[in-house]
Amino acid sequence: MAVTRLKRKDRYNKTVSRLEVKNLKLATNLELGSRSKQSTKDQLAKNNAILAQLEAKA
């Protein structure tokens, strides 16, 4: 049986779903005690520290 080529819509869905999975994997929360500890130098940690300071003042 010949291999049929995907239609444009299906090709698009294939790539979009692959990218969504990639983004979801990157965006998962880090669990406590996991080996991939969140860096203290990354922007998210800096933002959280500043937010905590502002909440403490308020």
Protein backbone atom coordinates (compact mmCIF):
# COMPACT_ATOMS: atom_id res chain seq x y z
CA MET A 1 0.00 0.00 0.00
CA ALA A 2 1.36 3.40 -0.94
CA VAL A 3 2.15 5.95 1.76
CA THR A 4 -0.17 8.93 1.36
CA ARG A 5 1.02 12.41 2.10
CA LEU A 6 -0.68 14.31 4.91
CA LYS A 7 -2.95 17.15 3.92
CA ARG A 8 -1.86 20.63 4.95
CA LYS A 9 -4.26 20.76 7.92
CA ASP A 10 -2.95 17.46 9.28
CA ARG A 11 0.68 18.44 8.77
CA TYR A 12 -0.02 21.66 10.67
CA ASN A 13 -1.75 19.79 13.52
CA LYS A 14 1.15 17.34 13.73
CA THR A 15 3.73 20.09 14.18
CA VAL A 16 1.55 22.18 16.51
CA SER A 17 0.82 19.24 18.81
CA ARG A 18 4.52 18.34 18.90
CA LEU A 19 5.41 21.92 19.88
CA GLU A 20 2.65 22.01 22.50
CA VAL A 21 4.02 18.88 24.14
CA LYS A 22 7.50 20.42 24.12
CA ASN A 23 6.21 23.62 25.75
CA LEU A 24 4.26 21.70 28.36
CA LYS A 25 7.34 19.68 29.27
CA LEU A 26 9.34 22.88 29.68
CA ALA A 27 6.62 24.55 31.74
CA THR A 28 6.07 21.78 34.27
CA ASN A 29 6.50 22.73 37.90
CA LEU A 30 9.64 21.50 39.61
CA GLU A 31 8.88 19.20 42.51
CA LEU A 32 10.51 19.64 45.87
CA GLY A 33 13.69 17.64 46.18
CA SER A 34 13.95 16.98 42.47
CA ARG A 35 17.38 16.74 40.92
CA SER A 36 16.62 19.64 38.59
CA LYS A 37 16.55 22.32 41.28
CA GLN A 38 15.41 25.71 40.04
CA SER A 39 18.34 28.06 39.65
CA THR A 40 18.44 31.04 42.02
CA LYS A 41 19.81 33.17 39.18
CA ASP A 42 16.97 32.68 36.73
CA GLN A 43 14.45 35.45 36.10
CA LEU A 44 11.53 33.58 37.65
CA ALA A 45 13.32 33.25 40.99
CA LYS A 46 14.30 36.94 40.94
CA ASN A 47 10.71 37.96 40.20
CA ASN A 48 9.40 35.78 43.03
CA ALA A 49 11.91 37.29 45.46
CA ILE A 50 10.88 40.83 44.53
CA LEU A 51 7.19 39.94 44.85
CA ALA A 52 7.84 38.44 48.28
CA GLN A 53 9.60 41.64 49.39
CA LEU A 54 6.69 43.78 48.18
CA GLU A 55 4.18 41.57 49.98
CA ALA A 56 6.20 41.81 53.19
CA LYS A 57 6.11 45.62 53.02
CA ALA A 58 2.38 45.75 52.34
